[in-house]
Amino acid sequence: MGEAERGYLAVRAPAGESDELGFLERSFNSDVEEIGGTISTVSAEADEVAALAEQLAASAQELHATFGDRDAHGPELATDLGQQREMAEGARGESGKAAEAGGIRLRGPRRS
């Protein structure tokens, strides 16, 4: 029992007798085996969790890189969009002036 207590879970009691001591030894062996199995299961699951954590970290880095690119280009895109709006408004203004000069009345979009 002392060896098992120190972590040596391969130890087994003789369990050769059919008396109370033999019953206790078989029970001890069963418990030590079950503890060893539990440790193996937890270890395997910990390895799986570690692998998933690595994948998650890699995905997070990819997302950061993607959003980093977006953030780096965001002001440039906003400027381009602003320029396009100004051009569109200017074009609307010019077509409106030309229509008025030609006596054409422009209608807004149809409403349903």
C-alpha atoms as a PDB file:
ATOM      1  CA  MET A   1       0.000   0.000   0.000  1.00  0.00           C
ATOM      2  CA  GLY A   2       2.899   2.332   0.712  1.00  0.00           C
ATOM      3  CA  GLU A   3       4.274   1.880  -2.813  1.00  0.00           C
ATOM      4  CA  ALA A   4       0.867   2.675  -4.346  1.00  0.00           C
ATOM      5  CA  GLU A   5       0.629   5.672  -2.081  1.00  0.00           C
ATOM      6  CA  ARG A   6       3.910   6.966  -3.535  1.00  0.00           C
ATOM      7  CA  GLY A   7       2.568   6.605  -7.083  1.00  0.00           C
ATOM      8  CA  TYR A   8       3.837   3.170  -8.065  1.00  0.00           C
ATOM      9  CA  LEU A   9       0.509   1.836  -9.389  1.00  0.00           C
ATOM     10  CA  ALA A  10       1.919  -1.351 -10.896  1.00  0.00           C
ATOM     11  CA  VAL A  11       2.219  -2.850  -7.406  1.00  0.00           C
ATOM     12  CA  ARG A  12      -0.166  -5.698  -6.582  1.00  0.00           C
ATOM     13  CA  ALA A  13      -0.898  -7.571  -3.377  1.00  0.00           C
ATOM     14  CA  PRO A  14      -0.511 -11.407  -3.451  1.00  0.00           C
ATOM     15  CA  ALA A  15      -4.298 -12.004  -2.888  1.00  0.00           C
ATOM     16  CA  GLY A  16      -3.737 -15.757  -2.643  1.00  0.00           C
ATOM     17  CA  GLU A  17      -5.815 -16.479   0.444  1.00  0.00           C
ATOM     18  CA  SER A  18      -9.581 -16.765   0.574  1.00  0.00           C
ATOM     19  CA  ASP A  19      -9.921 -15.154   3.978  1.00  0.00           C
ATOM     20  CA  GLU A  20     -10.577 -11.522   4.904  1.00  0.00           C
ATOM     21  CA  LEU A  21      -6.983 -10.566   4.172  1.00  0.00           C
ATOM     22  CA  GLY A  22      -7.183 -12.152   0.695  1.00  0.00           C
ATOM     23  CA  PHE A  23     -10.464 -10.301   0.060  1.00  0.00           C
ATOM     24  CA  LEU A  24      -8.786  -7.035   1.142  1.00  0.00           C
ATOM     25  CA  GLU A  25      -5.800  -7.712  -1.149  1.00  0.00           C
ATOM     26  CA  ARG A  26      -8.060  -8.395  -4.162  1.00  0.00           C
ATOM     27  CA  SER A  27     -10.022  -5.249  -3.416  1.00  0.00           C
ATOM     28  CA  PHE A  28      -6.781  -3.263  -3.138  1.00  0.00           C
ATOM     29  CA  ASN A  29      -5.564  -4.657  -6.484  1.00  0.00           C
ATOM     30  CA  SER A  30      -8.864  -3.747  -8.108  1.00  0.00           C
ATOM     31  CA  ASP A  31      -8.758  -0.210  -6.702  1.00  0.00           C
ATOM     32  CA  VAL A  32      -5.157   0.339  -7.814  1.00  0.00           C
ATOM     33  CA  GLU A  33      -6.020  -0.914 -11.314  1.00  0.00           C
ATOM     34  CA  GLU A  34      -9.038   1.379 -11.502  1.00  0.00           C
ATOM     35  CA  ILE A  35      -6.970   4.356 -10.358  1.00  0.00           C
ATOM     36  CA  GLY A  36      -4.371   3.577 -13.027  1.00  0.00           C
ATOM     37  CA  GLY A  37      -7.103   3.419 -15.691  1.00  0.00           C
ATOM     38  CA  THR A  38      -8.543   6.725 -14.550  1.00  0.00           C
ATOM     39  CA  ILE A  39      -5.124   8.356 -14.700  1.00  0.00           C
ATOM     40  CA  SER A  40      -4.583   6.995 -18.226  1.00  0.00           C
ATOM     41  CA  THR A  41      -7.978   8.307 -19.362  1.00  0.00           C
ATOM     42  CA  VAL A  42      -7.389  11.738 -17.857  1.00  0.00           C
ATOM     43  CA  SER A  43      -3.925  11.880 -19.402  1.00  0.00           C
ATOM     44  CA  ALA A  44      -5.267  11.000 -22.866  1.00  0.00           C
ATOM     45  CA  GLU A  45      -8.040  13.574 -22.567  1.00  0.00           C
ATOM     46  CA  ALA A  46      -5.541  16.191 -21.385  1.00  0.00           C
ATOM     47  CA  ASP A  47      -3.483  15.507 -24.517  1.00  0.00           C
ATOM     48  CA  GLU A  48      -6.615  16.007 -26.658  1.00  0.00           C
ATOM     49  CA  VAL A  49      -7.419  19.267 -24.869  1.00  0.00           C
ATOM     50  CA  ALA A  50      -3.847  20.468 -25.403  1.00  0.00           C
ATOM     51  CA  ALA A  51      -4.074  19.670 -29.125  1.00  0.00           C
ATOM     52  CA  LEU A  52      -7.398  21.512 -29.409  1.00  0.00           C
ATOM     53  CA  ALA A  53      -5.925  24.467 -27.523  1.00  0.00           C
ATOM     54  CA  GLU A  54      -3.085  24.622 -30.049  1.00  0.00           C
ATOM     55  CA  GLN A  55      -5.584  24.580 -32.923  1.00  0.00           C
ATOM     56  CA  LEU A  56      -7.625  27.297 -31.240  1.00  0.00           C
ATOM     57  CA  ALA A  57      -4.516  29.424 -30.742  1.00  0.00           C
ATOM     58  CA  ALA A  58      -3.600  29.011 -34.415  1.00  0.00           C
ATOM     59  CA  SER A  59      -7.125  29.995 -35.460  1.00  0.00           C
ATOM     60  CA  ALA A  60      -6.998  33.019 -33.174  1.00  0.00           C
ATOM     61  CA  GLN A  61      -3.732  34.102 -34.778  1.00  0.00           C
ATOM     62  CA  GLU A  62      -5.281  33.747 -38.239  1.00  0.00           C
ATOM     63  CA  LEU A  63      -8.275  35.836 -37.177  1.00  0.00           C
ATOM     64  CA  HIS A  64      -6.013  38.441 -35.649  1.00  0.00           C
ATOM     65  CA  ALA A  65      -4.019  38.614 -38.873  1.00  0.00           C
ATOM     66  CA  THR A  66      -7.227  38.942 -40.903  1.00  0.00           C
ATOM     67  CA  PHE A  67      -8.638  41.687 -38.713  1.00  0.00           C
ATOM     68  CA  GLY A  68      -5.232  43.312 -38.542  1.00  0.00           C
ATOM     69  CA  ASP A  69      -5.238  43.575 -42.340  1.00  0.00           C
ATOM     70  CA  ARG A  70      -8.768  44.949 -42.235  1.00  0.00           C
ATOM     71  CA  ASP A  71      -7.828  47.501 -39.601  1.00  0.00           C
ATOM     72  CA  ALA A  72      -4.767  48.539 -41.589  1.00  0.00           C
ATOM     73  CA  HIS A  73      -6.855  49.080 -44.740  1.00  0.00           C
ATOM     74  CA  GLY A  74      -9.945  50.446 -42.978  1.00  0.00           C
ATOM     75  CA  PRO A  75      -9.020  54.162 -43.138  1.00  0.00           C
ATOM     76  CA  GLU A  76      -8.000  53.800 -46.784  1.00  0.00           C
ATOM     77  CA  LEU A  77     -11.303  52.108 -47.646  1.00  0.00           C
ATOM     78  CA  ALA A  78     -13.261  54.754 -45.745  1.00  0.00           C
ATOM     79  CA  THR A  79     -11.491  57.506 -47.706  1.00  0.00           C
ATOM     80  CA  ASP A  80     -12.217  55.730 -51.005  1.00  0.00           C
ATOM     81  CA  LEU A  81     -15.877  55.293 -50.055  1.00  0.00           C
ATOM     82  CA  GLY A  82     -16.135  58.958 -49.117  1.00  0.00           C
ATOM     83  CA  GLN A  83     -14.660  59.972 -52.475  1.00  0.00           C
ATOM     84  CA  GLN A  84     -17.081  57.697 -54.312  1.00  0.00           C
ATOM     85  CA  ARG A  85     -20.030  59.241 -52.444  1.00  0.00           C
ATOM     86  CA  GLU A  86     -18.846  62.728 -53.308  1.00  0.00           C
ATOM     87  CA  MET A  87     -18.504  61.738 -56.972  1.00  0.00           C
ATOM     88  CA  ALA A  88     -21.976  60.187 -56.976  1.00  0.00           C
ATOM     89  CA  GLU A  89     -23.498  63.283 -55.353  1.00  0.00           C
ATOM     90  CA  GLY A  90     -21.644  65.478 -57.816  1.00  0.00           C
ATOM     91  CA  ALA A  91     -22.935  63.412 -60.713  1.00  0.00           C
ATOM     92  CA  ARG A  92     -26.492  63.645 -59.382  1.00  0.00           C
ATOM     93  CA  GLY A  93     -26.117  67.377 -59.044  1.00  0.00           C
ATOM     94  CA  GLU A  94     -24.791  67.739 -62.586  1.00  0.00           C
ATOM     95  CA  SER A  95     -27.571  65.579 -64.085  1.00  0.00           C
ATOM     96  CA  GLY A  96     -30.141  67.573 -62.150  1.00  0.00           C
ATOM     97  CA  LYS A  97     -28.748  70.852 -63.491  1.00  0.00           C
ATOM     98  CA  ALA A  98     -28.690  69.510 -67.042  1.00  0.00           C
ATOM     99  CA  ALA A  99     -32.269  68.259 -66.728  1.00  0.00           C
ATOM    100  CA  GLU A 100     -33.479  71.606 -65.419  1.00  0.00           C
ATOM    101  CA  ALA A 101     -31.690  73.387 -68.225  1.00  0.00           C
ATOM    102  CA  GLY A 102     -33.372  71.109 -70.748  1.00  0.00           C
ATOM    103  CA  GLY A 103     -36.806  71.499 -69.158  1.00  0.00           C
ATOM    104  CA  ILE A 104     -36.917  67.885 -67.930  1.00  0.00           C
ATOM    105  CA  ARG A 105     -38.404  67.210 -64.532  1.00  0.00           C
ATOM    106  CA  LEU A 106     -36.638  64.428 -62.659  1.00  0.00           C
ATOM    107  CA  ARG A 107     -38.772  62.121 -60.551  1.00  0.00           C
ATOM    108  CA  GLY A 108     -37.623  60.305 -57.500  1.00  0.00           C
ATOM    109  CA  PRO A 109     -37.826  56.523 -57.173  1.00  0.00           C
ATOM    110  CA  ARG A 110     -41.260  54.968 -57.461  1.00  0.00           C
ATOM    111  CA  ARG A 111     -42.889  53.987 -54.230  1.00  0.00           C
ATOM    112  CA  SER A 112     -44.923  50.807 -53.969  1.00  0.00           C
END
